[in-house]
Amino acid sequence: MLGLDAVLAATIALVDELGCEAVSLRRVAQALETGPASLYVYVRDRQELMALVLDHAVADVVVPDEGVGGWRPRLELLVGRIVAALAAHNDIASVGLRDALPGPHGLRLTEEMARLLRTGGLDDDACSWAIDLLGQYIYSTALENAGAPQPRRAPTSPSSDTDTDTGAGADTDTITDPTAPETFTARLDATFRTLPADRYPTLRALAPRLTGGNQDARAAWKLRVIIDGLLAQPPHRPTSHGNTPTAPTPERPSTAGANLSVES
């Protein structure tokens, strides 16, 4: 039976096989043995479909409980789990580096990351920018761990996978909505500001800061955090077996005191 779950399952299977670039509404419809027009019941366009698939990829990520330890090991484990979930689906993480609005699963995980960062003592401005920085780390690392996407398969005929139709069943990448906010940032801001406060209390509290502020200051803060983190690491010393460095001992030890395993 055709439904949104079936559409997402078919799309993520195509991503796994061919990579994101090769996915079109026409191909998804062919996999489901239906016409492209029938997919518009569930998604507005390809961009919305890919955002939903990105969210679907992290649906099973489990938030670490308090038994793992303090806020830092829980955050590290959560980020690792998200990276592993995305890396398991070819280059799906590339969607997150574009203008993809967060879905319910991504919001659930972002809420937990923001809550843990606040627990760790970050002020609201730093917390908001850290969410941005962690998101970029997650998507770029997932892409690296997934490896190069598989090459696009040649279409069986010149018209079998083109997006040049202009009729109702056309597989266009985007559809301009005259009622939508002018920019992606405005749409993202609207998403955060309208979240139910009982389910996403941290994101609602941070909403004015998550997309606001000076972009140059935000970029400079991220670079400073990365460089400061690098400088805070102790020097690596070669082992007796060669030049392989020993694992550094953090200056700020984790409260868990145990190795963290990344679960998919």
Protein backbone atom coordinates (compact mmCIF):
# COMPACT_ATOMS: atom_id res chain seq x y z
CA MET A 1 0.00 0.00 0.00
CA LEU A 2 1.37 3.37 -1.03
CA GLY A 3 1.98 5.79 1.84
CA LEU A 4 4.63 8.17 3.14
CA ASP A 5 6.51 5.34 4.90
CA ALA A 6 6.70 3.40 1.63
CA VAL A 7 7.88 6.50 -0.24
CA LEU A 8 10.64 7.14 2.31
CA ALA A 9 11.70 3.48 2.31
CA ALA A 10 11.94 3.43 -1.48
CA THR A 11 13.86 6.71 -1.54
CA ILE A 12 16.41 5.71 1.06
CA ALA A 13 16.95 2.43 -0.80
CA LEU A 14 17.77 4.43 -3.93
CA VAL A 15 20.14 6.64 -1.92
CA ASP A 16 21.88 3.53 -0.61
CA GLU A 17 22.23 2.13 -4.11
CA LEU A 18 22.93 5.18 -6.26
CA GLY A 19 23.59 8.23 -4.07
CA CYS A 20 21.49 11.34 -3.53
CA GLU A 21 22.22 12.99 -6.85
CA ALA A 22 20.62 10.12 -8.75
CA VAL A 23 17.35 10.23 -6.80
CA SER A 24 14.40 11.82 -8.55
CA LEU A 25 10.67 11.65 -7.96
CA ARG A 26 10.36 9.76 -11.21
CA ARG A 27 12.82 7.08 -10.05
CA VAL A 28 11.08 6.77 -6.70
CA ALA A 29 7.75 6.37 -8.47
CA GLN A 30 9.22 3.68 -10.73
CA ALA A 31 10.50 1.79 -7.67
CA LEU A 32 6.98 1.92 -6.21
CA GLU A 33 5.37 1.02 -9.56
CA THR A 34 3.31 4.18 -9.65
CA GLY A 35 3.38 7.53 -11.39
CA PRO A 36 5.28 10.63 -10.17
CA ALA A 37 2.01 12.54 -9.74
CA SER A 38 0.93 10.17 -6.96
CA LEU A 39 3.93 11.21 -4.84
CA TYR A 40 2.72 14.81 -4.59
CA VAL A 41 0.10 13.61 -2.14
CA TYR A 42 2.95 13.09 0.34
CA VAL A 43 5.66 15.61 -0.62
CA ARG A 44 5.64 19.00 -2.30
CA ASP A 45 8.85 18.49 -4.27
CA ARG A 46 12.18 16.64 -4.33
CA GLN A 47 13.73 19.00 -1.79
CA GLU A 48 11.06 18.19 0.78
CA LEU A 49 11.38 14.47 0.02
CA MET A 50 15.14 14.47 0.60
CA ALA A 51 14.74 16.41 3.86
CA LEU A 52 12.24 13.81 5.06
CA VAL A 53 14.60 10.99 4.09
CA LEU A 54 17.44 12.66 5.99
CA ASP A 55 15.22 12.79 9.07
CA HIS A 56 14.14 9.18 8.51
CA ALA A 57 17.81 8.09 8.51
CA VAL A 58 18.20 9.13 12.18
CA ALA A 59 14.80 7.90 13.38
CA ASP A 60 16.26 4.97 15.32
CA VAL A 61 19.07 6.89 17.05
CA VAL A 62 18.72 6.33 20.80
CA VAL A 63 19.47 9.18 23.19
CA PRO A 64 22.02 7.99 25.81
CA ASP A 65 20.61 7.73 29.31
CA GLU A 66 22.16 8.97 32.53
CA GLY A 67 23.86 5.61 33.08
CA VAL A 68 26.46 6.57 30.46
CA GLY A 69 27.81 9.30 32.69
CA GLY A 70 27.86 13.08 32.70
CA TRP A 71 26.82 15.51 30.01
CA ARG A 72 30.05 15.27 27.99
CA PRO A 73 30.25 11.49 27.44
CA ARG A 74 26.53 11.47 26.69
CA LEU A 75 26.97 14.21 24.10
CA GLU A 76 29.96 12.46 22.53
CA LEU A 77 28.05 9.18 22.33
CA LEU A 78 24.96 10.85 20.89
CA VAL A 79 26.97 12.61 18.20
CA GLY A 80 28.72 9.34 17.37
CA ARG A 81 25.41 7.53 17.02
CA ILE A 82 24.01 10.20 14.69
CA VAL A 83 27.15 10.07 12.53
CA ALA A 84 26.96 6.27 12.31
CA ALA A 85 23.26 6.33 11.39
CA LEU A 86 23.85 8.80 8.57
CA ALA A 87 27.01 7.10 7.31
CA ALA A 88 25.04 3.87 6.92
CA HIS A 89 23.07 5.48 4.07
CA ASN A 90 25.61 6.47 1.46
CA ASP A 91 25.78 10.27 1.04
CA ILE A 92 22.44 11.15 2.66
CA ALA A 93 24.34 13.48 5.02
CA SER A 94 24.99 15.80 2.07
CA VAL A 95 21.33 16.83 2.31
CA GLY A 96 22.00 18.21 5.78
CA LEU A 97 24.67 20.55 4.42
CA ARG A 98 22.06 22.16 2.17
CA ASP A 99 18.80 23.94 2.94
CA ALA A 100 16.95 21.08 4.66
CA LEU A 101 14.50 21.98 7.39
CA PRO A 102 14.74 19.66 10.42
CA GLY A 103 12.12 16.97 10.91
CA PRO A 104 10.76 15.49 14.15
CA HIS A 105 13.57 12.97 14.62
CA GLY A 106 16.30 15.51 13.98
CA LEU A 107 14.60 17.99 16.30
CA ARG A 108 14.44 15.36 19.04
CA LEU A 109 18.19 14.80 18.80
CA THR A 110 19.01 18.50 18.48
CA GLU A 111 16.94 19.24 21.57
CA GLU A 112 18.99 16.70 23.53
CA MET A 113 22.31 18.09 22.27
CA ALA A 114 21.26 21.61 23.23
CA ARG A 115 20.10 20.45 26.65
CA LEU A 116 23.40 18.66 27.31
CA LEU A 117 25.42 21.69 26.23
CA ARG A 118 23.42 23.88 28.58
CA THR A 119 23.99 21.36 31.35
CA GLY A 120 27.71 21.63 30.65
CA GLY A 121 27.60 25.33 31.43
CA LEU A 122 27.56 26.93 27.98
CA ASP A 123 25.71 30.22 27.83
CA ASP A 124 22.85 30.53 25.38
CA ASP A 125 24.84 32.30 22.68
CA ALA A 126 27.63 29.71 22.77
CA CYS A 127 25.10 26.88 22.95
CA SER A 128 23.29 28.12 19.86
CA TRP A 129 26.48 28.41 17.83
CA ALA A 130 27.73 25.08 19.12
CA ILE A 131 24.60 23.39 17.74
CA ASP A 132 25.49 24.84 14.34
CA LEU A 133 29.10 23.70 14.64
CA LEU A 134 28.14 20.20 15.81
CA GLY A 135 25.71 19.87 12.91
CA GLN A 136 28.43 20.66 10.40
CA TYR A 137 30.76 18.19 12.13
CA ILE A 138 28.09 15.47 12.08
CA TYR A 139 27.24 15.82 8.40
CA SER A 140 30.82 16.19 7.15
CA THR A 141 32.07 13.28 9.26
CA ALA A 142 29.20 11.06 8.14
CA LEU A 143 30.04 11.83 4.53
CA GLU A 144 33.69 10.99 5.11
CA ASN A 145 32.81 7.74 6.90
CA ALA A 146 30.36 6.72 4.20
CA GLY A 147 32.98 7.08 1.48
CA ALA A 148 32.38 8.24 -2.06
CA PRO A 149 28.78 7.87 -3.29
CA GLN A 150 28.17 5.20 -5.86
CA PRO A 151 28.08 6.46 -9.45
CA ARG A 152 24.78 7.31 -11.03
CA ARG A 153 23.38 4.55 -13.20
CA ALA A 154 22.73 5.50 -16.78
CA PRO A 155 18.98 5.83 -17.55
CA THR A 156 17.46 3.14 -19.74
CA SER A 157 16.17 5.70 -22.21
CA PRO A 158 16.74 9.41 -22.86
CA SER A 159 13.43 10.34 -21.24
CA SER A 160 13.24 7.76 -18.47
CA ASP A 161 14.90 9.88 -15.79
CA THR A 162 14.78 13.46 -16.96
CA ASP A 163 13.14 16.25 -15.07
CA THR A 164 12.14 18.33 -18.05
CA ASP A 165 8.41 17.62 -18.02
CA THR A 166 6.16 20.57 -17.35
CA GLY A 167 2.90 18.73 -16.76
CA ALA A 168 1.25 17.83 -13.47
CA GLY A 169 3.46 14.78 -13.13
CA ALA A 170 6.72 16.62 -13.72
CA ASP A 171 9.62 15.68 -11.47
CA THR A 172 10.86 19.15 -10.68
CA ASP A 173 13.51 19.64 -8.04
CA THR A 174 11.86 22.67 -6.51
CA ILE A 175 8.50 24.39 -6.66
CA THR A 176 8.39 28.05 -5.81
CA ASP A 177 5.85 28.76 -3.12
CA PRO A 178 4.87 32.45 -3.22
CA THR A 179 3.67 32.27 0.38
CA ALA A 180 6.95 30.87 1.77
CA PRO A 181 9.45 33.13 3.58
CA GLU A 182 12.09 34.61 1.31
CA THR A 183 15.08 32.80 2.74
CA PHE A 184 15.90 29.41 4.21
CA THR A 185 17.08 31.12 7.38
CA ALA A 186 13.66 32.70 7.81
CA ARG A 187 11.94 29.33 7.35
CA LEU A 188 14.31 27.69 9.81
CA ASP A 189 13.74 30.49 12.32
CA ALA A 190 9.97 30.05 11.94
CA THR A 191 10.36 26.32 12.56
CA PHE A 192 12.20 26.83 15.85
CA ARG A 193 9.91 29.61 17.06
CA THR A 194 6.77 27.53 16.55
CA LEU A 195 7.97 24.32 18.22
CA PRO A 196 5.78 23.19 21.14
CA ALA A 197 7.56 24.31 24.31
CA ASP A 198 6.54 21.21 26.25
CA ARG A 199 8.39 18.90 23.82
CA TYR A 200 11.30 21.16 22.86
CA PRO A 201 11.87 23.51 25.81
CA THR A 202 15.55 24.12 25.10
CA LEU A 203 15.14 24.82 21.40
CA ARG A 204 12.26 27.20 22.09
CA ALA A 205 14.35 29.06 24.66
CA LEU A 206 17.24 29.31 22.20
CA ALA A 207 15.07 30.08 19.17
CA PRO A 208 16.01 33.77 18.81
CA ARG A 209 19.70 32.87 18.85
CA LEU A 210 19.77 29.68 16.75
CA THR A 211 19.48 31.54 13.46
CA GLY A 212 20.24 35.11 14.54
CA GLY A 213 23.35 37.09 15.21
CA ASN A 214 26.19 38.25 13.04
CA GLN A 215 27.29 35.53 10.61
CA ASP A 216 30.91 36.73 10.61
CA ALA A 217 30.98 36.57 14.41
CA ARG A 218 29.48 33.08 14.31
CA ALA A 219 32.09 31.87 11.83
CA ALA A 220 34.92 33.43 13.84
CA TRP A 221 33.63 31.75 17.01
CA LYS A 222 33.61 28.32 15.36
CA LEU A 223 37.15 28.71 14.09
CA ARG A 224 38.33 29.92 17.50
CA VAL A 225 36.70 26.94 19.22
CA ILE A 226 38.38 24.51 16.82
CA ILE A 227 41.81 26.11 17.21
CA ASP A 228 41.45 26.43 21.00
CA GLY A 229 40.50 22.77 21.16
CA LEU A 230 43.54 21.78 19.13
CA LEU A 231 45.85 23.85 21.30
CA ALA A 232 44.39 22.36 24.47
CA GLN A 233 45.43 18.85 23.45
CA PRO A 234 48.65 17.49 24.99
CA PRO A 235 51.50 16.77 22.55
CA HIS A 236 51.47 13.39 20.86
CA ARG A 237 54.51 11.25 21.47
CA PRO A 238 55.59 8.36 19.21
CA THR A 239 55.26 4.91 20.70
CA SER A 240 58.03 2.32 20.82
CA HIS A 241 56.42 0.66 17.78
CA GLY A 242 56.88 3.61 15.47
CA ASN A 243 55.27 6.96 14.85
CA THR A 244 51.76 6.04 15.88
CA PRO A 245 50.82 8.49 18.65
CA THR A 246 49.29 7.36 21.87
CA ALA A 247 45.75 8.41 22.60
CA PRO A 248 45.84 11.84 24.25
CA THR A 249 44.63 12.22 27.80
CA PRO A 250 42.11 15.08 27.88
CA GLU A 251 42.87 17.93 30.26
CA ARG A 252 39.20 17.88 31.20
CA PRO A 253 38.55 14.20 31.91
CA SER A 254 35.19 12.66 31.14
CA THR A 255 33.04 11.81 34.12
CA ALA A 256 32.24 8.44 32.59
CA GLY A 257 35.81 7.19 32.77
CA ALA A 258 35.16 4.54 30.16
CA ASN A 259 35.64 4.14 26.42
CA LEU A 260 32.60 5.10 24.40
CA SER A 261 31.38 2.79 21.68
CA VAL A 262 29.50 4.25 18.75
CA GLU A 263 26.35 2.35 18.00
CA SER A 264 24.63 2.36 14.67
